[in-house]
PDB file of all heavy atoms in Angstrom:
ATOM      1  N   TYR A   1       1.867 -10.458   5.765  1.00  0.00           N
ATOM      2  CA  TYR A   1       1.630  -9.061   6.130  1.00  0.00           C
ATOM      3  C   TYR A   1       2.894  -8.231   5.959  1.00  0.00           C
ATOM      4  O   TYR A   1       2.836  -7.092   5.490  1.00  0.00           O
ATOM      5  CB  TYR A   1       1.042  -8.947   7.541  1.00  0.00           C
ATOM      6  CG  TYR A   1      -0.458  -9.088   7.526  1.00  0.00           C
ATOM      7  CD1 TYR A   1      -1.070 -10.341   7.511  1.00  0.00           C
ATOM      8  CD2 TYR A   1      -1.278  -7.966   7.474  1.00  0.00           C
ATOM      9  CE1 TYR A   1      -2.440 -10.477   7.459  1.00  0.00           C
ATOM     10  CE2 TYR A   1      -2.654  -8.087   7.412  1.00  0.00           C
ATOM     11  CZ  TYR A   1      -3.229  -9.345   7.405  1.00  0.00           C
ATOM     12  OH  TYR A   1      -4.592  -9.462   7.332  1.00  0.00           O
ATOM     13  N   ALA A   2       4.048  -8.782   6.313  1.00  0.00           N
ATOM     14  CA  ALA A   2       5.314  -8.053   6.111  1.00  0.00           C
ATOM     15  C   ALA A   2       5.558  -7.797   4.623  1.00  0.00           C
ATOM     16  O   ALA A   2       5.986  -6.708   4.233  1.00  0.00           O
ATOM     17  CB  ALA A   2       6.477  -8.836   6.724  1.00  0.00           C
ATOM     18  N   ALA A   3       5.272  -8.791   3.780  1.00  0.00           N
ATOM     19  CA  ALA A   3       5.446  -8.624   2.333  1.00  0.00           C
ATOM     20  C   ALA A   3       4.499  -7.554   1.795  1.00  0.00           C
ATOM     21  O   ALA A   3       4.873  -6.740   0.943  1.00  0.00           O
ATOM     22  CB  ALA A   3       5.220  -9.949   1.612  1.00  0.00           C
ATOM     23  N   SER A   4       3.273  -7.521   2.300  1.00  0.00           N
ATOM     24  CA  SER A   4       2.307  -6.530   1.828  1.00  0.00           C
ATOM     25  C   SER A   4       2.691  -5.119   2.283  1.00  0.00           C
ATOM     26  O   SER A   4       2.473  -4.150   1.544  1.00  0.00           O
ATOM     27  CB  SER A   4       0.902  -6.895   2.307  1.00  0.00           C
ATOM     28  OG  SER A   4      -0.063  -6.083   1.684  1.00  0.00           O
ATOM     29  N   VAL A   5       3.277  -5.000   3.463  1.00  0.00           N
ATOM     30  CA  VAL A   5       3.784  -3.700   3.910  1.00  0.00           C
ATOM     31  C   VAL A   5       4.919  -3.251   2.992  1.00  0.00           C
ATOM     32  O   VAL A   5       4.970  -2.089   2.573  1.00  0.00           O
ATOM     33  CB  VAL A   5       4.249  -3.753   5.384  1.00  0.00           C
ATOM     34  CG1 VAL A   5       5.055  -2.505   5.752  1.00  0.00           C
ATOM     35  CG2 VAL A   5       3.057  -3.907   6.318  1.00  0.00           C
ATOM     36  N   GLU A   6       5.814  -4.178   2.675  1.00  0.00           N
ATOM     37  CA  GLU A   6       6.923  -3.834   1.771  1.00  0.00           C
ATOM     38  C   GLU A   6       6.388  -3.433   0.397  1.00  0.00           C
ATOM     39  O   GLU A   6       6.892  -2.484  -0.220  1.00  0.00           O
ATOM     40  CB  GLU A   6       7.897  -5.011   1.662  1.00  0.00           C
ATOM     41  CG  GLU A   6       9.154  -4.688   0.891  1.00  0.00           C
ATOM     42  CD  GLU A   6       9.963  -3.520   1.468  1.00  0.00           C
ATOM     43  OE1 GLU A   6       9.978  -3.320   2.693  1.00  0.00           O
ATOM     44  OE2 GLU A   6      10.579  -2.792   0.659  1.00  0.00           O
ATOM     45  N   LEU A   7       5.367  -4.127  -0.087  1.00  0.00           N
ATOM     46  CA  LEU A   7       4.742  -3.740  -1.357  1.00  0.00           C
ATOM     47  C   LEU A   7       4.134  -2.344  -1.269  1.00  0.00           C
ATOM     48  O   LEU A   7       4.200  -1.568  -2.235  1.00  0.00           O
ATOM     49  CB  LEU A   7       3.664  -4.757  -1.749  1.00  0.00           C
ATOM     50  CG  LEU A   7       4.156  -6.039  -2.393  1.00  0.00           C
ATOM     51  CD1 LEU A   7       3.046  -7.089  -2.427  1.00  0.00           C
ATOM     52  CD2 LEU A   7       4.669  -5.767  -3.795  1.00  0.00           C
ATOM     53  N   ALA A   8       3.560  -2.010  -0.138  1.00  0.00           N
ATOM     54  CA  ALA A   8       3.003  -0.659   0.042  1.00  0.00           C
ATOM     55  C   ALA A   8       4.105   0.382  -0.011  1.00  0.00           C
ATOM     56  O   ALA A   8       3.913   1.470  -0.575  1.00  0.00           O
ATOM     57  CB  ALA A   8       2.242  -0.569   1.365  1.00  0.00           C
ATOM     58  N   ARG A   9       5.255   0.062   0.548  1.00  0.00           N
ATOM     59  CA  ARG A   9       6.383   1.002   0.488  1.00  0.00           C
ATOM     60  C   ARG A   9       6.830   1.206  -0.956  1.00  0.00           C
ATOM     61  O   ARG A   9       7.216   2.299  -1.342  1.00  0.00           O
ATOM     62  CB  ARG A   9       7.545   0.472   1.323  1.00  0.00           C
ATOM     63  CG  ARG A   9       7.276   0.525   2.815  1.00  0.00           C
ATOM     64  CD  ARG A   9       8.424  -0.022   3.607  1.00  0.00           C
ATOM     65  NE  ARG A   9       9.514   0.959   3.555  1.00  0.00           N
ATOM     66  CZ  ARG A   9      10.629   0.841   4.228  1.00  0.00           C
ATOM     67  NH1 ARG A   9      10.835  -0.216   4.998  1.00  0.00           N
ATOM     68  NH2 ARG A   9      11.567   1.760   4.152  1.00  0.00           N
ATOM     69  N   GLU A  10       6.768   0.139  -1.754  1.00  0.00           N
ATOM     70  CA  GLU A  10       7.214   0.201  -3.147  1.00  0.00           C
ATOM     71  C   GLU A  10       6.167   0.789  -4.083  1.00  0.00           C
ATOM     72  O   GLU A  10       6.502   1.557  -4.992  1.00  0.00           O
ATOM     73  CB  GLU A  10       7.566  -1.206  -3.644  1.00  0.00           C
ATOM     74  CG  GLU A  10       8.733  -1.850  -2.939  1.00  0.00           C
ATOM     75  CD  GLU A  10       8.868  -3.333  -3.276  1.00  0.00           C
ATOM     76  OE1 GLU A  10       8.240  -3.803  -4.266  1.00  0.00           O
ATOM     77  OE2 GLU A  10       9.581  -4.029  -2.540  1.00  0.00           O
ATOM     78  N   ARG A  11       4.895   0.390  -3.906  1.00  0.00           N
ATOM     79  CA  ARG A  11       3.848   0.697  -4.883  1.00  0.00           C
ATOM     80  C   ARG A  11       2.685   1.505  -4.328  1.00  0.00           C
ATOM     81  O   ARG A  11       1.805   1.911  -5.078  1.00  0.00           O
ATOM     82  CB  ARG A  11       3.291  -0.609  -5.451  1.00  0.00           C
ATOM     83  CG  ARG A  11       4.323  -1.502  -6.085  1.00  0.00           C
ATOM     84  CD  ARG A  11       3.704  -2.805  -6.527  1.00  0.00           C
ATOM     85  NE  ARG A  11       4.722  -3.733  -7.000  1.00  0.00           N
ATOM     86  CZ  ARG A  11       4.478  -4.994  -7.293  1.00  0.00           C
ATOM     87  NH1 ARG A  11       3.260  -5.498  -7.173  1.00  0.00           N
ATOM     88  NH2 ARG A  11       5.449  -5.773  -7.715  1.00  0.00           N
ATOM     89  N   GLY A  12       2.648   1.661  -3.030  1.00  0.00           N
ATOM     90  CA  GLY A  12       1.551   2.375  -2.389  1.00  0.00           C
ATOM     91  C   GLY A  12       0.554   1.429  -1.739  1.00  0.00           C
ATOM     92  O   GLY A  12       0.424   0.271  -2.125  1.00  0.00           O
ATOM     93  N   ALA A  13      -0.137   1.954  -0.749  1.00  0.00           N
ATOM     94  CA  ALA A  13      -1.174   1.187  -0.054  1.00  0.00           C
ATOM     95  C   ALA A  13      -2.402   1.033  -0.949  1.00  0.00           C
ATOM     96  O   ALA A  13      -2.573   1.778  -1.915  1.00  0.00           O
ATOM     97  CB  ALA A  13      -1.554   1.894   1.241  1.00  0.00           C
ATOM     98  N   PHE A  14      -3.267   0.091  -0.611  1.00  0.00           N
ATOM     99  CA  PHE A  14      -4.506  -0.049  -1.377  1.00  0.00           C
ATOM    100  C   PHE A  14      -5.303   1.253  -1.234  1.00  0.00           C
ATOM    101  O   PHE A  14      -5.257   1.924  -0.194  1.00  0.00           O
ATOM    102  CB  PHE A  14      -5.294  -1.288  -0.943  1.00  0.00           C
ATOM    103  CG  PHE A  14      -5.867  -1.259   0.447  1.00  0.00           C
ATOM    104  CD1 PHE A  14      -7.142  -0.760   0.702  1.00  0.00           C
ATOM    105  CD2 PHE A  14      -5.141  -1.758   1.520  1.00  0.00           C
ATOM    106  CE1 PHE A  14      -7.676  -0.747   1.971  1.00  0.00           C
ATOM    107  CE2 PHE A  14      -5.666  -1.756   2.803  1.00  0.00           C
ATOM    108  CZ  PHE A  14      -6.935  -1.243   3.032  1.00  0.00           C
ATOM    109  N   PRO A  15      -6.013   1.677  -2.293  1.00  0.00           N
ATOM    110  CA  PRO A  15      -6.648   2.995  -2.295  1.00  0.00           C
ATOM    111  C   PRO A  15      -7.615   3.271  -1.144  1.00  0.00           C
ATOM    112  O   PRO A  15      -7.733   4.415  -0.707  1.00  0.00           O
ATOM    113  CB  PRO A  15      -7.374   3.034  -3.641  1.00  0.00           C
ATOM    114  CG  PRO A  15      -6.540   2.170  -4.521  1.00  0.00           C
ATOM    115  CD  PRO A  15      -6.078   1.043  -3.615  1.00  0.00           C
ATOM    116  N   ALA A  16      -8.299   2.272  -0.620  1.00  0.00           N
ATOM    117  CA  ALA A  16      -9.272   2.488   0.450  1.00  0.00           C
ATOM    118  C   ALA A  16      -8.632   2.462   1.840  1.00  0.00           C
ATOM    119  O   ALA A  16      -9.335   2.483   2.846  1.00  0.00           O
ATOM    120  CB  ALA A  16     -10.384   1.431   0.364  1.00  0.00           C
ATOM    121  N   PHE A  17      -7.306   2.460   1.912  1.00  0.00           N
ATOM    122  CA  PHE A  17      -6.595   2.331   3.199  1.00  0.00           C
ATOM    123  C   PHE A  17      -6.719   3.581   4.060  1.00  0.00           C
ATOM    124  O   PHE A  17      -6.510   4.701   3.611  1.00  0.00           O
ATOM    125  CB  PHE A  17      -5.117   2.038   2.948  1.00  0.00           C
ATOM    126  CG  PHE A  17      -4.297   1.919   4.200  1.00  0.00           C
ATOM    127  CD1 PHE A  17      -4.474   0.847   5.060  1.00  0.00           C
ATOM    128  CD2 PHE A  17      -3.360   2.883   4.531  1.00  0.00           C
ATOM    129  CE1 PHE A  17      -3.727   0.724   6.219  1.00  0.00           C
ATOM    130  CE2 PHE A  17      -2.598   2.777   5.684  1.00  0.00           C
ATOM    131  CZ  PHE A  17      -2.793   1.700   6.532  1.00  0.00           C
ATOM    132  N   ASP A  18      -7.056   3.371   5.323  1.00  0.00           N
ATOM    133  CA  ASP A  18      -7.050   4.402   6.365  1.00  0.00           C
ATOM    134  C   ASP A  18      -6.459   3.717   7.594  1.00  0.00           C
ATOM    135  O   ASP A  18      -7.094   2.841   8.187  1.00  0.00           O
ATOM    136  CB  ASP A  18      -8.474   4.892   6.641  1.00  0.00           C
ATOM    137  CG  ASP A  18      -8.529   5.916   7.753  1.00  0.00           C
ATOM    138  OD1 ASP A  18      -8.001   5.656   8.860  1.00  0.00           O
ATOM    139  OD2 ASP A  18      -9.125   6.979   7.524  1.00  0.00           O
ATOM    140  N   ALA A  19      -5.236   4.089   7.972  1.00  0.00           N
ATOM    141  CA  ALA A  19      -4.490   3.369   9.007  1.00  0.00           C
ATOM    142  C   ALA A  19      -5.263   3.253  10.312  1.00  0.00           C
ATOM    143  O   ALA A  19      -5.356   2.159  10.897  1.00  0.00           O
ATOM    144  CB  ALA A  19      -3.140   4.034   9.251  1.00  0.00           C
ATOM    145  N   GLU A  20      -5.797   4.337  10.802  1.00  0.00           N
ATOM    146  CA  GLU A  20      -6.470   4.291  12.107  1.00  0.00           C
ATOM    147  C   GLU A  20      -7.714   3.409  12.067  1.00  0.00           C
ATOM    148  O   GLU A  20      -7.958   2.637  12.990  1.00  0.00           O
ATOM    149  CB  GLU A  20      -6.799   5.702  12.592  1.00  0.00           C
ATOM    150  CG  GLU A  20      -5.571   6.500  12.972  1.00  0.00           C
ATOM    151  CD  GLU A  20      -4.609   5.750  13.908  1.00  0.00           C
ATOM    152  OE1 GLU A  20      -5.056   5.199  14.936  1.00  0.00           O
ATOM    153  OE2 GLU A  20      -3.404   5.716  13.596  1.00  0.00           O
ATOM    154  N   LEU A  21      -8.498   3.516  11.015  1.00  0.00           N
ATOM    155  CA  LEU A  21      -9.696   2.692  10.907  1.00  0.00           C
ATOM    156  C   LEU A  21      -9.342   1.231  10.647  1.00  0.00           C
ATOM    157  O   LEU A  21      -9.954   0.320  11.212  1.00  0.00           O
ATOM    158  CB  LEU A  21     -10.612   3.236   9.809  1.00  0.00           C
ATOM    159  CG  LEU A  21     -11.218   4.608  10.088  1.00  0.00           C
ATOM    160  CD1 LEU A  21     -11.987   5.108   8.876  1.00  0.00           C
ATOM    161  CD2 LEU A  21     -12.091   4.576  11.330  1.00  0.00           C
ATOM    162  N   TYR A  22      -8.362   0.986   9.796  1.00  0.00           N
ATOM    163  CA  TYR A  22      -7.937  -0.380   9.460  1.00  0.00           C
ATOM    164  C   TYR A  22      -7.444  -1.124  10.704  1.00  0.00           C
ATOM    165  O   TYR A  22      -7.704  -2.307  10.880  1.00  0.00           O
ATOM    166  CB  TYR A  22      -6.837  -0.324   8.397  1.00  0.00           C
ATOM    167  CG  TYR A  22      -6.410  -1.660   7.860  1.00  0.00           C
ATOM    168  CD1 TYR A  22      -7.155  -2.312   6.878  1.00  0.00           C
ATOM    169  CD2 TYR A  22      -5.250  -2.287   8.316  1.00  0.00           C
ATOM    170  CE1 TYR A  22      -6.764  -3.542   6.376  1.00  0.00           C
ATOM    171  CE2 TYR A  22      -4.850  -3.510   7.822  1.00  0.00           C
ATOM    172  CZ  TYR A  22      -5.612  -4.138   6.850  1.00  0.00           C
ATOM    173  OH  TYR A  22      -5.220  -5.361   6.361  1.00  0.00           O
ATOM    174  N   LEU A  23      -6.730  -0.421  11.565  1.00  0.00           N
ATOM    175  CA  LEU A  23      -6.151  -1.035  12.762  1.00  0.00           C
ATOM    176  C   LEU A  23      -7.022  -0.849  14.004  1.00  0.00           C
ATOM    177  O   LEU A  23      -6.579  -1.137  15.108  1.00  0.00           O
ATOM    178  CB  LEU A  23      -4.758  -0.447  13.019  1.00  0.00           C
ATOM    179  CG  LEU A  23      -3.716  -0.765  11.958  1.00  0.00           C
ATOM    180  CD1 LEU A  23      -2.486   0.105  12.143  1.00  0.00           C
ATOM    181  CD2 LEU A  23      -3.356  -2.242  11.973  1.00  0.00           C
ATOM    182  N   SER A  24      -8.256  -0.395  13.832  1.00  0.00           N
ATOM    183  CA  SER A  24      -9.101  -0.104  14.976  1.00  0.00           C
ATOM    184  C   SER A  24      -9.409  -1.357  15.785  1.00  0.00           C
ATOM    185  O   SER A  24      -9.380  -2.480  15.286  1.00  0.00           O
ATOM    186  CB  SER A  24     -10.391   0.586  14.535  1.00  0.00           C
ATOM    187  OG  SER A  24     -11.154  -0.276  13.712  1.00  0.00           O
ATOM    188  N   ARG A  25      -9.704  -1.132  17.030  1.00  0.00           N
ATOM    189  CA  ARG A  25      -9.927  -2.213  17.995  1.00  0.00           C
ATOM    190  C   ARG A  25     -11.041  -3.166  17.548  1.00  0.00           C
ATOM    191  O   ARG A  25     -12.100  -2.742  17.127  1.00  0.00           O
ATOM    192  CB  ARG A  25     -10.267  -1.600  19.338  1.00  0.00           C
ATOM    193  CG  ARG A  25     -10.361  -2.599  20.426  1.00  0.00           C
ATOM    194  CD  ARG A  25     -10.689  -1.909  21.739  1.00  0.00           C
ATOM    195  NE  ARG A  25     -10.681  -2.921  22.756  1.00  0.00           N
ATOM    196  CZ  ARG A  25      -9.830  -2.952  23.759  1.00  0.00           C
ATOM    197  NH1 ARG A  25      -8.951  -2.005  23.891  1.00  0.00           N
ATOM    198  NH2 ARG A  25      -9.876  -3.917  24.636  1.00  0.00           N
ATOM    199  N   GLY A  26     -10.749  -4.446  17.651  1.00  0.00           N
ATOM    200  CA  GLY A  26     -11.738  -5.470  17.348  1.00  0.00           C
ATOM    201  C   GLY A  26     -11.579  -6.120  15.988  1.00  0.00           C
ATOM    202  O   GLY A  26     -12.066  -7.211  15.766  1.00  0.00           O
ATOM    203  N   THR A  27     -10.895  -5.464  15.048  1.00  0.00           N
ATOM    204  CA  THR A  27     -10.721  -6.063  13.728  1.00  0.00           C
ATOM    205  C   THR A  27      -9.580  -7.078  13.766  1.00  0.00           C
ATOM    206  O   THR A  27      -8.773  -7.100  14.687  1.00  0.00           O
ATOM    207  CB  THR A  27     -10.394  -5.001  12.660  1.00  0.00           C
ATOM    208  OG1 THR A  27      -9.095  -4.457  12.923  1.00  0.00           O
ATOM    209  CG2 THR A  27     -11.438  -3.902  12.620  1.00  0.00           C
ATOM    210  N   PHE A  28      -9.507  -7.897  12.740  1.00  0.00           N
ATOM    211  CA  PHE A  28      -8.401  -8.859  12.629  1.00  0.00           C
ATOM    212  C   PHE A  28      -7.065  -8.127  12.665  1.00  0.00           C
ATOM    213  O   PHE A  28      -6.146  -8.533  13.366  1.00  0.00           O
ATOM    214  CB  PHE A  28      -8.531  -9.684  11.339  1.00  0.00           C
ATOM    215  CG  PHE A  28      -7.387 -10.638  11.143  1.00  0.00           C
ATOM    216  CD1 PHE A  28      -7.388 -11.859  11.785  1.00  0.00           C
ATOM    217  CD2 PHE A  28      -6.316 -10.298  10.340  1.00  0.00           C
ATOM    218  CE1 PHE A  28      -6.320 -12.748  11.628  1.00  0.00           C
ATOM    219  CE2 PHE A  28      -5.245 -11.174  10.177  1.00  0.00           C
ATOM    220  CZ  PHE A  28      -5.250 -12.400  10.822  1.00  0.00           C
ATOM    221  N   ALA A  29      -6.950  -7.030  11.930  1.00  0.00           N
ATOM    222  CA  ALA A  29      -5.686  -6.297  11.861  1.00  0.00           C
ATOM    223  C   ALA A  29      -5.270  -5.750  13.225  1.00  0.00           C
ATOM    224  O   ALA A  29      -4.074  -5.625  13.506  1.00  0.00           O
ATOM    225  CB  ALA A  29      -5.785  -5.170  10.833  1.00  0.00           C
ATOM    226  N   SER A  30      -6.225  -5.452  14.093  1.00  0.00           N
ATOM    227  CA  SER A  30      -5.889  -4.928  15.421  1.00  0.00           C
ATOM    228  C   SER A  30      -5.239  -5.988  16.303  1.00  0.00           C
ATOM    229  O   SER A  30      -4.637  -5.651  17.326  1.00  0.00           O
ATOM    230  CB  SER A  30      -7.142  -4.371  16.112  1.00  0.00           C
ATOM    231  OG  SER A  30      -7.997  -5.420  16.545  1.00  0.00           O
ATOM    232  N   ARG A  31      -5.336  -7.245  15.908  1.00  0.00           N
ATOM    233  CA  ARG A  31      -4.747  -8.341  16.686  1.00  0.00           C
ATOM    234  C   ARG A  31      -3.427  -8.850  16.091  1.00  0.00           C
ATOM    235  O   ARG A  31      -2.872  -9.832  16.579  1.00  0.00           O
ATOM    236  CB  ARG A  31      -5.755  -9.484  16.803  1.00  0.00           C
ATOM    237  CG  ARG A  31      -6.982  -9.098  17.626  1.00  0.00           C
ATOM    238  CD  ARG A  31      -7.898 -10.265  17.911  1.00  0.00           C
ATOM    239  NE  ARG A  31      -8.446 -10.904  16.739  1.00  0.00           N
ATOM    240  CZ  ARG A  31      -9.549 -10.516  16.097  1.00  0.00           C
ATOM    241  NH1 ARG A  31     -10.207  -9.463  16.513  1.00  0.00           N
ATOM    242  NH2 ARG A  31      -9.982 -11.176  15.049  1.00  0.00           N
ATOM    243  N   LEU A  32      -2.928  -8.192  15.066  1.00  0.00           N
ATOM    244  CA  LEU A  32      -1.626  -8.567  14.515  1.00  0.00           C
ATOM    245  C   LEU A  32      -0.534  -8.256  15.537  1.00  0.00           C
ATOM    246  O   LEU A  32      -0.726  -7.411  16.420  1.00  0.00           O
ATOM    247  CB  LEU A  32      -1.359  -7.794  13.223  1.00  0.00           C
ATOM    248  CG  LEU A  32      -2.198  -8.165  12.011  1.00  0.00           C
ATOM    249  CD1 LEU A  32      -2.020  -7.138  10.899  1.00  0.00           C
ATOM    250  CD2 LEU A  32      -1.857  -9.558  11.526  1.00  0.00           C
ATOM    251  N   PRO A  33       0.633  -8.899  15.421  1.00  0.00           N
ATOM    252  CA  PRO A  33       1.738  -8.552  16.320  1.00  0.00           C
ATOM    253  C   PRO A  33       2.055  -7.064  16.243  1.00  0.00           C
ATOM    254  O   PRO A  33       1.904  -6.424  15.192  1.00  0.00           O
ATOM    255  CB  PRO A  33       2.900  -9.402  15.783  1.00  0.00           C
ATOM    256  CG  PRO A  33       2.239 -10.565  15.117  1.00  0.00           C
ATOM    257  CD  PRO A  33       0.974 -10.007  14.520  1.00  0.00           C
ATOM    258  N   ALA A  34       2.518  -6.509  17.355  1.00  0.00           N
ATOM    259  CA  ALA A  34       2.749  -5.064  17.473  1.00  0.00           C
ATOM    260  C   ALA A  34       3.666  -4.525  16.385  1.00  0.00           C
ATOM    261  O   ALA A  34       3.412  -3.447  15.838  1.00  0.00           O
ATOM    262  CB  ALA A  34       3.306  -4.751  18.857  1.00  0.00           C
ATOM    263  N   HIS A  35       4.738  -5.255  16.050  1.00  0.00           N
ATOM    264  CA  HIS A  35       5.666  -4.743  15.037  1.00  0.00           C
ATOM    265  C   HIS A  35       5.005  -4.616  13.673  1.00  0.00           C
ATOM    266  O   HIS A  35       5.284  -3.681  12.922  1.00  0.00           O
ATOM    267  CB  HIS A  35       6.943  -5.596  14.964  1.00  0.00           C
ATOM    268  CG  HIS A  35       6.768  -6.925  14.327  1.00  0.00           C
ATOM    269  ND1 HIS A  35       6.219  -8.013  14.999  1.00  0.00           N
ATOM    270  CD2 HIS A  35       7.055  -7.349  13.087  1.00  0.00           C
ATOM    271  CE1 HIS A  35       6.191  -9.054  14.185  1.00  0.00           C
ATOM    272  NE2 HIS A  35       6.686  -8.675  13.017  1.00  0.00           N
ATOM    273  N   LEU A  36       4.085  -5.522  13.344  1.00  0.00           N
ATOM    274  CA  LEU A  36       3.371  -5.418  12.065  1.00  0.00           C
ATOM    275  C   LEU A  36       2.382  -4.257  12.091  1.00  0.00           C
ATOM    276  O   LEU A  36       2.257  -3.517  11.107  1.00  0.00           O
ATOM    277  CB  LEU A  36       2.656  -6.727  11.747  1.00  0.00           C
ATOM    278  CG  LEU A  36       3.545  -7.890  11.329  1.00  0.00           C
ATOM    279  CD1 LEU A  36       2.741  -9.181  11.221  1.00  0.00           C
ATOM    280  CD2 LEU A  36       4.257  -7.587  10.016  1.00  0.00           C
ATOM    281  N   ARG A  37       1.669  -4.085  13.201  1.00  0.00           N
ATOM    282  CA  ARG A  37       0.739  -2.953  13.303  1.00  0.00           C
ATOM    283  C   ARG A  37       1.484  -1.627  13.150  1.00  0.00           C
ATOM    284  O   ARG A  37       1.013  -0.712  12.473  1.00  0.00           O
ATOM    285  CB  ARG A  37      -0.026  -2.997  14.628  1.00  0.00           C
ATOM    286  CG  ARG A  37      -1.008  -4.153  14.726  1.00  0.00           C
ATOM    287  CD  ARG A  37      -1.962  -4.013  15.896  1.00  0.00           C
ATOM    288  NE  ARG A  37      -1.365  -3.584  17.143  1.00  0.00           N
ATOM    289  CZ  ARG A  37      -0.906  -4.404  18.097  1.00  0.00           C
ATOM    290  NH1 ARG A  37      -0.979  -5.715  17.937  1.00  0.00           N
ATOM    291  NH2 ARG A  37      -0.396  -3.913  19.210  1.00  0.00           N
ATOM    292  N   GLU A  38       2.657  -1.531  13.754  1.00  0.00           N
ATOM    293  CA  GLU A  38       3.435  -0.302  13.657  1.00  0.00           C
ATOM    294  C   GLU A  38       3.905  -0.060  12.218  1.00  0.00           C
ATOM    295  O   GLU A  38       3.857   1.067  11.722  1.00  0.00           O
ATOM    296  CB  GLU A  38       4.626  -0.338  14.604  1.00  0.00           C
ATOM    297  CG  GLU A  38       5.395   0.956  14.651  1.00  0.00           C
ATOM    298  CD  GLU A  38       4.530   2.190  14.885  1.00  0.00           C
ATOM    299  OE1 GLU A  38       3.606   2.154  15.727  1.00  0.00           O
ATOM    300  OE2 GLU A  38       4.747   3.205  14.187  1.00  0.00           O
TER     301      GLU A  38
END
């Protein structure tokens, strides 16, 4: 996940990305460690 965040900084997020929806409660991404979610 850290590598993919760094790739997003370099090349952009995947086109369908919406931070609030992606990290919404109940999804796998919502249970990532706090520093990765941030």
